[in-house]
N, C-alpha and C. Protein backbone atom coordinates (compact mmCIF):
# COMPACT_ATOMS: atom_id res chain seq x y z
N MET A 1 -5.46 17.67 -9.97
CA MET A 1 -4.02 18.42 -10.29
C MET A 1 -3.66 19.08 -11.18
N LYS A 2 -3.16 19.77 -11.00
CA LYS A 2 -3.03 20.84 -12.38
C LYS A 2 -1.13 20.59 -12.47
N PHE A 3 -0.64 20.60 -13.69
CA PHE A 3 0.57 20.34 -13.94
C PHE A 3 1.25 21.38 -14.74
N GLY A 4 2.52 21.83 -14.20
CA GLY A 4 2.95 22.53 -15.50
C GLY A 4 4.35 22.02 -16.00
N ASP A 5 5.19 22.63 -16.93
CA ASP A 5 5.95 21.92 -17.71
C ASP A 5 7.39 22.11 -17.03
N ASP A 6 8.33 21.29 -16.85
CA ASP A 6 9.54 21.15 -16.02
C ASP A 6 10.54 20.39 -16.93
N PRO A 7 11.39 21.05 -17.90
CA PRO A 7 12.47 20.65 -18.82
C PRO A 7 13.52 20.03 -18.31
N GLU A 8 13.83 21.15 -17.16
CA GLU A 8 15.18 20.79 -16.51
C GLU A 8 14.76 19.44 -15.59
N THR A 9 13.56 19.28 -14.59
CA THR A 9 13.57 18.01 -14.09
C THR A 9 13.25 17.28 -14.72
N ALA A 10 12.75 16.96 -15.62
CA ALA A 10 12.29 15.87 -17.09
C ALA A 10 14.08 15.37 -17.30
N GLU A 11 14.87 16.50 -17.70
CA GLU A 11 15.91 15.70 -18.06
C GLU A 11 16.74 15.36 -16.75
N TRP A 12 16.87 16.00 -15.66
CA TRP A 12 17.16 15.12 -14.40
C TRP A 12 16.48 13.93 -14.31
N LEU A 13 15.54 13.58 -14.70
CA LEU A 13 14.94 12.28 -14.39
C LEU A 13 15.47 11.19 -15.33
N ALA A 14 15.47 12.04 -16.55
CA ALA A 14 15.84 10.72 -17.53
C ALA A 14 17.61 10.28 -17.09
N GLN A 15 18.36 11.13 -16.38
CA GLN A 15 19.84 10.73 -16.09
C GLN A 15 19.69 9.76 -15.02
N LEU A 16 18.62 9.65 -13.95
CA LEU A 16 18.86 9.06 -13.04
C LEU A 16 19.11 7.79 -13.23
N VAL A 17 19.64 7.19 -12.48
CA VAL A 17 20.25 5.77 -12.50
C VAL A 17 19.19 4.63 -12.13
N SER A 18 18.61 5.34 -11.05
CA SER A 18 17.78 4.48 -10.54
C SER A 18 17.84 3.34 -9.65
N GLY A 19 18.81 3.26 -9.32
CA GLY A 19 19.05 2.41 -8.19
C GLY A 19 18.73 2.98 -6.56
N SER A 20 18.46 2.41 -5.50
CA SER A 20 18.26 2.46 -4.31
C SER A 20 19.27 3.61 -3.88
N GLU A 21 20.30 4.15 -4.03
CA GLU A 21 21.18 5.05 -3.61
C GLU A 21 20.33 6.38 -4.28
N ASP A 22 20.09 6.64 -5.67
CA ASP A 22 19.39 7.67 -5.86
C ASP A 22 18.04 7.93 -5.47
N LEU A 23 17.29 7.54 -4.50
CA LEU A 23 16.51 7.47 -3.90
C LEU A 23 16.38 7.84 -2.41
N ASP A 24 15.90 8.73 -1.80
CA ASP A 24 15.50 9.34 -0.45
C ASP A 24 14.43 8.46 0.31
N TRP A 25 14.76 7.74 0.89
CA TRP A 25 13.89 7.10 1.73
C TRP A 25 14.46 7.07 3.25
N ASP A 26 13.21 7.31 4.09
CA ASP A 26 13.14 7.12 5.47
C ASP A 26 11.84 6.15 6.13
N ALA A 27 11.61 5.88 7.55
CA ALA A 27 10.29 4.95 7.93
C ALA A 27 9.47 5.83 7.37
N GLY A 28 9.22 6.85 6.98
CA GLY A 28 7.92 7.64 6.80
C GLY A 28 7.47 7.30 5.71
N ASN A 29 8.23 7.59 4.48
CA ASN A 29 8.12 7.13 2.87
C ASN A 29 8.00 5.90 2.84
N ARG A 30 8.64 4.69 3.33
CA ARG A 30 8.72 3.56 3.43
C ARG A 30 7.62 3.19 3.39
N THR A 31 6.64 3.46 4.67
CA THR A 31 5.84 2.64 5.27
C THR A 31 4.31 3.70 4.70
N LYS A 32 4.36 4.72 4.29
CA LYS A 32 3.14 5.17 3.85
C LYS A 32 2.56 4.99 2.49
N ASN A 33 2.88 4.48 1.92
CA ASN A 33 2.98 3.76 0.59
C ASN A 33 2.40 2.23 0.57
N ARG A 34 2.53 1.57 1.64
CA ARG A 34 1.94 0.47 2.09
C ARG A 34 0.43 0.36 1.99
N LYS A 35 -0.32 1.24 2.49
CA LYS A 35 -1.72 1.51 2.44
C LYS A 35 -2.33 1.43 0.92
N HIS A 36 -1.09 1.71 -0.20
CA HIS A 36 -1.55 1.43 -1.21
C HIS A 36 -1.25 -0.10 -2.07
N HIS A 37 -0.76 -0.72 -1.30
CA HIS A 37 -0.11 -2.20 -1.49
C HIS A 37 1.28 -1.77 -2.59
N VAL A 38 2.02 -0.87 -2.12
CA VAL A 38 2.98 -0.51 -2.83
C VAL A 38 4.81 -0.33 -1.63
N GLU A 39 5.22 -1.48 -2.29
CA GLU A 39 6.69 -1.44 -1.40
C GLU A 39 7.70 -0.45 -1.95
N GLN A 40 8.70 -0.14 -1.13
CA GLN A 40 10.02 0.31 -1.55
C GLN A 40 10.78 -0.64 -3.11
N ALA A 41 10.68 -1.71 -3.26
CA ALA A 41 11.01 -2.28 -4.10
C ALA A 41 10.51 -1.86 -5.37
N ASP A 42 8.91 -1.97 -5.07
CA ASP A 42 8.11 -1.39 -6.48
C ASP A 42 8.45 0.16 -7.23
N ILE A 43 8.23 0.91 -5.95
CA ILE A 43 8.75 2.61 -6.57
C ILE A 43 10.09 2.40 -7.32
N GLU A 44 11.30 1.51 -6.74
CA GLU A 44 12.46 1.21 -7.48
C GLU A 44 12.42 0.56 -8.55
N ALA A 45 11.51 -0.37 -8.95
CA ALA A 45 11.92 -1.23 -10.35
C ALA A 45 10.68 0.05 -11.30
N LEU A 46 10.14 0.69 -11.05
CA LEU A 46 9.37 1.56 -11.69
C LEU A 46 10.28 2.67 -12.77
N PHE A 47 11.83 2.65 -12.52
CA PHE A 47 12.56 3.57 -12.96
C PHE A 47 13.69 2.28 -13.98
N ARG A 48 13.25 1.27 -13.87
CA ARG A 48 13.78 0.14 -14.77
C ARG A 48 12.97 0.02 -15.98
N PHE A 49 11.94 0.50 -16.21
CA PHE A 49 11.18 0.35 -17.58
C PHE A 49 10.73 2.01 -17.68
N SER A 50 10.00 2.03 -18.45
CA SER A 50 9.71 3.53 -19.53
C SER A 50 8.91 4.27 -18.38
N VAL A 51 9.11 5.17 -17.93
CA VAL A 51 8.43 6.28 -16.97
C VAL A 51 7.88 7.39 -17.80
N VAL A 52 6.60 8.05 -17.50
CA VAL A 52 6.10 8.94 -18.25
C VAL A 52 6.07 9.91 -17.23
N PHE A 53 6.98 11.08 -17.80
CA PHE A 53 7.04 12.49 -16.36
C PHE A 53 6.18 13.89 -17.18
N VAL A 54 4.96 13.39 -16.13
CA VAL A 54 3.82 14.18 -16.35
C VAL A 54 4.08 15.82 -16.18
N GLY A 55 4.94 16.09 -14.91
CA GLY A 55 5.16 17.70 -15.06
C GLY A 55 5.53 18.05 -13.51
N ARG A 56 5.40 19.05 -13.39
CA ARG A 56 5.44 19.42 -11.74
C ARG A 56 3.95 19.81 -11.35
N ILE A 57 3.53 19.39 -10.19
CA ILE A 57 2.53 19.54 -9.74
C ILE A 57 2.14 20.96 -9.25
N ILE A 58 1.54 22.07 -10.38
CA ILE A 58 1.24 23.43 -9.75
C ILE A 58 -0.05 23.47 -8.84
N GLU A 59 -1.14 22.61 -8.70
CA GLU A 59 -2.39 22.43 -8.11
C GLU A 59 -2.55 21.27 -7.54
N PRO A 60 -2.79 21.04 -6.42
CA PRO A 60 -2.89 22.05 -4.99
C PRO A 60 -1.11 22.78 -4.88
N VAL A 61 -1.12 23.49 -4.23
CA VAL A 61 0.09 23.99 -3.88
C VAL A 61 0.63 23.55 -2.54
N HIS A 62 2.02 23.00 -3.03
CA HIS A 62 2.52 22.26 -1.76
C HIS A 62 3.96 23.43 -1.09
N PRO A 63 4.35 23.38 0.11
CA PRO A 63 5.43 24.14 0.40
C PRO A 63 6.90 23.72 -0.13
N GLU A 64 6.99 22.20 -0.67
CA GLU A 64 7.98 21.82 -1.31
C GLU A 64 7.04 21.30 -2.60
N LYS A 65 8.45 22.02 -3.94
CA LYS A 65 7.77 21.58 -5.22
C LYS A 65 7.27 19.96 -5.36
N ARG A 66 6.59 19.46 -5.81
CA ARG A 66 6.35 18.06 -6.34
C ARG A 66 5.90 17.97 -7.73
N TRP A 67 6.41 16.65 -7.97
CA TRP A 67 6.13 16.21 -9.69
C TRP A 67 5.48 14.70 -9.70
N LEU A 68 5.00 14.51 -10.74
CA LEU A 68 3.96 13.30 -10.91
C LEU A 68 5.18 12.60 -12.08
N VAL A 69 5.23 11.49 -12.04
CA VAL A 69 5.87 10.24 -12.94
C VAL A 69 4.60 9.11 -12.62
N LEU A 70 4.44 8.60 -14.04
CA LEU A 70 3.89 7.46 -14.44
C LEU A 70 4.67 6.15 -14.79
N GLY A 71 4.40 4.89 -14.01
CA GLY A 71 5.32 3.67 -14.79
C GLY A 71 4.50 2.58 -14.13
N GLN A 72 5.79 1.51 -14.36
CA GLN A 72 4.91 0.16 -14.33
C GLN A 72 5.93 -0.41 -13.75
N ASP A 73 5.33 -1.11 -12.86
CA ASP A 73 6.44 -2.18 -11.61
C ASP A 73 6.49 -3.32 -12.48
N GLU A 74 7.40 -3.90 -11.54
CA GLU A 74 7.71 -5.22 -12.08
C GLU A 74 6.11 -6.35 -12.32
N LYS A 75 5.40 -6.06 -11.49
CA LYS A 75 4.18 -6.92 -11.56
C LYS A 75 3.17 -6.60 -12.80
N ASN A 76 3.58 -5.45 -13.49
CA ASN A 76 2.87 -5.05 -14.21
C ASN A 76 1.49 -4.04 -13.99
N ARG A 77 1.55 -3.41 -12.72
CA ARG A 77 1.00 -2.99 -11.92
C ARG A 77 1.52 -1.24 -12.46
N ARG A 78 0.19 -0.53 -13.17
CA ARG A 78 0.36 1.02 -13.33
C ARG A 78 0.62 1.89 -12.22
N LEU A 79 1.50 2.40 -11.85
CA LEU A 79 1.51 3.15 -10.92
C LEU A 79 1.68 4.61 -10.85
N ALA A 80 1.51 5.79 -10.10
CA ALA A 80 1.58 6.98 -10.21
C ALA A 80 2.44 7.32 -8.94
N LEU A 81 3.73 8.04 -9.41
CA LEU A 81 4.17 8.48 -8.31
C LEU A 81 4.94 9.74 -8.01
N VAL A 82 4.04 10.42 -6.96
CA VAL A 82 4.42 11.89 -6.45
C VAL A 82 5.68 11.96 -5.82
N PHE A 83 6.70 12.44 -6.34
CA PHE A 83 7.93 12.81 -5.60
C PHE A 83 8.57 14.50 -5.58
N THR A 84 9.30 14.44 -4.53
CA THR A 84 10.04 16.00 -4.53
C THR A 84 11.55 15.26 -4.94
N ARG A 85 12.25 16.35 -5.09
CA ARG A 85 13.65 16.44 -5.28
C ARG A 85 14.78 16.76 -4.06
N ARG A 86 15.37 15.88 -3.48
CA ARG A 86 16.16 16.56 -2.16
C ARG A 86 17.72 16.31 -2.56
N GLY A 87 18.21 17.60 -2.92
CA GLY A 87 19.65 17.47 -3.60
C GLY A 87 19.69 16.81 -5.25
N GLN A 88 20.60 16.14 -5.14
CA GLN A 88 20.37 15.20 -6.69
C GLN A 88 19.45 13.72 -6.47
N LYS A 89 18.61 13.88 -5.20
CA LYS A 89 18.01 12.52 -5.20
C LYS A 89 16.36 12.42 -4.90
N LEU A 90 15.71 11.47 -5.50
CA LEU A 90 14.56 11.56 -5.74
C LEU A 90 13.41 11.12 -4.27
N ARG A 91 13.06 11.94 -4.09
CA ARG A 91 12.07 11.25 -2.47
C ARG A 91 10.45 11.31 -3.01
N PRO A 92 10.39 9.75 -2.83
CA PRO A 92 9.01 9.31 -3.22
C PRO A 92 8.17 10.04 -1.95
N ILE A 93 7.13 10.66 -2.62
CA ILE A 93 5.86 11.15 -1.23
C ILE A 93 4.80 9.93 -1.68
N SER A 94 4.00 9.80 -2.26
CA SER A 94 3.15 8.93 -2.18
C SER A 94 3.49 8.46 -3.70
N CYS A 95 3.03 6.86 -3.75
CA CYS A 95 2.72 6.09 -5.08
C CYS A 95 1.47 5.19 -4.58
N ARG A 96 0.52 5.59 -5.96
CA ARG A 96 -0.57 4.47 -5.84
C ARG A 96 -0.70 4.20 -7.42
N PRO A 97 -1.91 3.09 -7.23
CA PRO A 97 -2.25 3.11 -8.56
C PRO A 97 -2.97 4.22 -9.51
N MET A 98 -2.49 4.08 -10.73
CA MET A 98 -3.05 5.19 -11.51
C MET A 98 -4.39 5.19 -11.33
N ARG A 99 -4.94 6.79 -11.99
CA ARG A 99 -6.28 7.25 -11.80
C ARG A 99 -6.35 6.88 -13.23
N ARG A 100 -7.96 6.66 -13.81
CA ARG A 100 -8.30 6.79 -15.11
C ARG A 100 -7.77 7.35 -15.93
N ASN A 101 -7.35 9.03 -15.85
CA ASN A 101 -7.23 9.94 -16.61
C ASN A 101 -5.36 9.57 -16.86
N GLU A 102 -5.01 9.36 -15.69
CA GLU A 102 -3.08 8.97 -15.68
C GLU A 102 -3.22 7.60 -16.54
N ARG A 103 -4.12 6.71 -16.42
CA ARG A 103 -3.74 5.41 -17.28
C ARG A 103 -3.73 6.01 -18.59
N ARG A 104 -4.69 6.81 -18.89
CA ARG A 104 -4.88 7.46 -20.54
C ARG A 104 -3.54 8.05 -21.05
N ILE A 105 -2.96 8.94 -19.86
CA ILE A 105 -1.57 9.27 -20.10
C ILE A 105 -0.68 8.80 -20.40
N TYR A 106 -0.69 7.87 -19.23
CA TYR A 106 0.52 6.76 -19.69
C TYR A 106 0.48 5.82 -20.98
N GLU A 107 -0.85 5.65 -21.61
CA GLU A 107 -0.87 4.91 -22.64
C GLU A 107 -0.93 5.70 -23.50
N ASP A 108 -1.01 6.46 -23.92
CA ASP A 108 -1.28 7.66 -24.58
C ASP A 108 0.47 7.79 -25.10
N ALA A 109 1.26 8.29 -24.36
CA ALA A 109 2.70 8.50 -23.81
C ALA A 109 3.56 7.47 -24.74
N LEU A 110 2.82 5.86 -24.03
CA LEU A 110 3.78 4.64 -24.70
C LEU A 110 3.50 4.52 -26.13
N GLN A 111 2.32 4.75 -26.52
CA GLN A 111 2.35 4.70 -28.23
C GLN A 111 2.81 5.74 -29.00
N GLU A 112 2.78 6.94 -28.60
CA GLU A 112 3.76 7.86 -29.02
C GLU A 112 4.86 7.39 -29.40
N ASN A 113 5.85 6.78 -28.21
CA ASN A 113 6.84 6.63 -28.01
C ASN A 113 7.35 5.92 -28.82
N THR A 114 6.36 4.20 -29.30
CA THR A 114 6.52 3.52 -30.39
C THR A 114 6.18 3.42 -31.47
N GLU A 115 5.14 4.76 -32.03
CA GLU A 115 5.60 5.04 -33.22
C GLU A 115 6.41 6.01 -33.53
N THR A 116 7.22 6.66 -32.70
CA THR A 116 8.61 7.43 -33.21
C THR A 116 9.74 6.47 -33.17
N SER A 117 9.73 5.33 -32.56
CA SER A 117 10.61 4.69 -32.84
C SER A 117 10.39 3.46 -34.27
N ALA A 118 9.56 4.05 -34.50
CA ALA A 118 9.27 2.52 -35.71
C ALA A 118 9.60 3.28 -36.72
């Protein structure tokens, strides 16, 4: 995957309240993530903790814009969430365990945030 910067979406994401009312669910995206052992509640939990916005997915190309967020659920699993926007709602497309390079990006971002806060 290749990513592009998207400050506007990063700002929108930071303002997201993260309740289920902020997410766009249907039968398709509720069940799709189960193959990765990820439930709707796990995805909603990501936004109760620190998430790392990686950026807009520019490759592979999709008809609808997609973005990647990295985070941790209440079970301390590190998850990668691909999503799109539907109006002011976040629509989860796919959520799975982070890949090795995604874990590195996530850990580096958390370390940077810790150093900035100190």
